[in-house]
Protein backbone atom coordinates (compact mmCIF):
# COMPACT_ATOMS: atom_id res chain seq x y z
CA MET A 1 -150.41 109.55 -77.41
CA VAL A 2 -148.33 106.37 -77.74
CA PHE A 3 -145.39 106.44 -75.39
CA LYS A 4 -142.27 104.26 -75.66
CA PRO A 5 -140.49 104.53 -72.30
CA ARG A 6 -137.00 103.26 -71.71
CA ILE A 7 -137.89 100.76 -69.01
CA GLU A 8 -135.01 100.55 -66.57
CA TYR A 9 -136.32 98.60 -63.61
CA ALA A 10 -139.35 96.60 -64.49
CA CYS A 11 -141.42 93.78 -63.14
CA LEU A 12 -142.92 92.18 -66.18
CA LEU A 13 -146.64 91.88 -65.62
CA LYS A 14 -148.96 89.93 -67.89
CA ILE A 15 -152.23 91.76 -68.04
CA ALA A 16 -155.02 89.48 -69.13
CA THR A 17 -157.67 92.20 -69.24
CA VAL A 18 -158.74 94.21 -72.24
CA ALA A 19 -158.12 97.96 -72.17
CA ARG A 20 -161.09 99.82 -70.73
CA ILE A 21 -162.09 103.26 -69.53
CA ILE A 22 -161.77 103.49 -65.77
CA LYS A 23 -164.46 105.72 -64.32
CA ASP A 24 -162.99 106.35 -60.89
CA ARG A 25 -159.27 106.09 -61.51
CA ILE A 26 -156.70 108.39 -59.94
CA GLN A 27 -156.49 111.78 -61.69
CA SER A 28 -153.55 113.82 -62.93
CA GLY A 29 -152.31 116.18 -60.21
CA GLU A 30 -153.41 114.02 -57.27
CA SER A 31 -150.86 113.32 -54.53
CA VAL A 32 -149.83 109.71 -53.96
CA THR A 33 -147.39 107.76 -51.81
CA ILE A 34 -145.31 104.76 -52.81
CA ILE A 35 -143.76 102.40 -50.28
CA GLY A 36 -140.93 100.12 -51.34
CA ASN A 37 -137.51 98.73 -50.65
CA PRO A 38 -135.21 100.66 -53.00
CA LEU A 39 -131.48 99.96 -53.08
CA GLY A 40 -131.73 97.47 -50.21
CA PHE A 41 -133.37 99.90 -47.78
CA GLU A 42 -136.64 98.76 -46.23
CA LYS A 43 -140.09 100.37 -46.10
CA ILE A 44 -139.12 103.67 -47.71
CA SER A 45 -142.05 105.96 -48.52
CA GLN A 46 -142.00 108.69 -51.14
CA ARG A 47 -144.66 111.28 -52.02
CA GLY A 48 -145.35 112.65 -55.46
CA LYS A 49 -148.04 113.74 -57.87
CA VAL A 50 -149.65 111.81 -60.68
CA GLY A 51 -148.58 113.20 -64.04
CA GLN A 52 -150.09 112.05 -67.32
CA PHE A 53 -151.66 108.87 -68.58
CA TYR A 54 -150.00 107.11 -71.54
CA ASN A 55 -150.64 104.32 -73.98
CA ILE A 56 -147.55 102.12 -74.16
CA GLU A 57 -146.83 99.93 -77.15
CA ASN A 58 -147.78 96.27 -76.47
CA ILE A 59 -149.65 97.06 -73.23
CA LEU A 60 -153.44 97.02 -73.49
CA THR A 61 -154.17 99.65 -70.86
CA GLN A 62 -153.07 103.14 -70.02
CA VAL A 63 -150.34 103.64 -67.43
CA PHE A 64 -149.54 106.79 -65.49
CA ASP A 65 -146.38 108.55 -64.40
CA ILE A 66 -145.54 109.91 -60.95
CA ASN A 67 -142.94 112.61 -60.32
CA ILE A 68 -140.88 110.30 -58.12
CA PRO A 69 -137.48 108.93 -59.14
CA ILE A 70 -137.41 105.21 -58.38
CA ASN A 71 -134.64 102.68 -57.96
CA PRO A 72 -134.20 98.90 -58.02
CA GLY A 73 -136.49 97.54 -55.32
CA ASN A 74 -139.39 99.89 -56.09
CA SER A 75 -140.91 97.66 -58.79
CA GLY A 76 -144.08 96.08 -57.44
CA SER A 77 -144.54 98.85 -54.86
CA PRO A 78 -148.09 100.01 -54.18
CA VAL A 79 -149.23 103.50 -55.18
CA ILE A 80 -151.49 104.78 -52.39
CA ASP A 81 -153.87 107.73 -52.63
CA ASN A 82 -154.86 110.20 -49.88
CA GLN A 83 -157.71 107.88 -48.78
CA ALA A 84 -155.19 105.06 -48.15
CA LYS A 85 -156.45 103.09 -51.18
CA VAL A 86 -154.02 101.30 -53.47
CA VAL A 87 -154.56 102.87 -56.89
CA GLY A 88 -151.60 101.48 -58.82
CA ILE A 89 -148.50 99.32 -58.87
CA ILE A 90 -145.04 100.64 -59.83
CA PHE A 91 -143.59 98.64 -62.72
CA ALA A 92 -140.90 100.79 -64.37
CA SER A 93 -139.12 104.11 -64.56
CA THR A 94 -138.57 106.39 -67.51
CA ASN A 95 -137.16 109.77 -68.39
CA ILE A 96 -139.74 112.33 -69.49
CA GLU A 97 -138.86 115.70 -70.94
CA ILE A 98 -140.54 118.54 -69.05
CA ASN A 99 -139.84 122.17 -69.93
CA GLY A 100 -136.75 121.13 -71.89
CA GLU A 101 -135.26 119.08 -69.04
CA SER A 102 -135.18 115.32 -68.59
CA GLU A 103 -136.85 114.10 -65.39
CA LEU A 104 -136.83 110.55 -64.03
CA ARG A 105 -140.36 109.38 -63.28
CA ALA A 106 -142.03 106.25 -61.95
CA LEU A 107 -144.57 104.43 -64.13
CA ALA A 108 -147.54 102.64 -62.61
CA ILE A 109 -150.35 100.39 -63.78
CA PRO A 110 -153.81 101.20 -62.36
CA VAL A 111 -155.00 98.43 -60.02
CA GLN A 112 -158.42 98.34 -61.68
CA VAL A 113 -156.95 96.58 -64.71
CA LEU A 114 -154.97 93.91 -62.86
CA PRO A 115 -156.43 90.39 -62.80
CA SER A 116 -158.29 89.72 -59.56
CA GLU A 117 -157.09 86.13 -59.29
């Protein structure tokens, strides 16, 4: 599925890697925590669940959504799994229709595809 989100608060990231299948990536339904500085507040943590993975036009890898509404200051925040491992980086928000209702969701890039240097 190709997804065209309305990116509201984005850090533009250049991903120099080619899209690949990630064997041990986070799975849909897993609980995660993000920690950021939304709206000028500091070190705010939020919990949510990983939704679906999407292909976004002009991005070479899949991204995933999290059922957390984010605000300015969350872009660049780490996505942390239950083993305290960083599994993604928040880069945008979008509205996704679920059961006929629009829901604001965070979008994250899996850390496995980010350049290591």
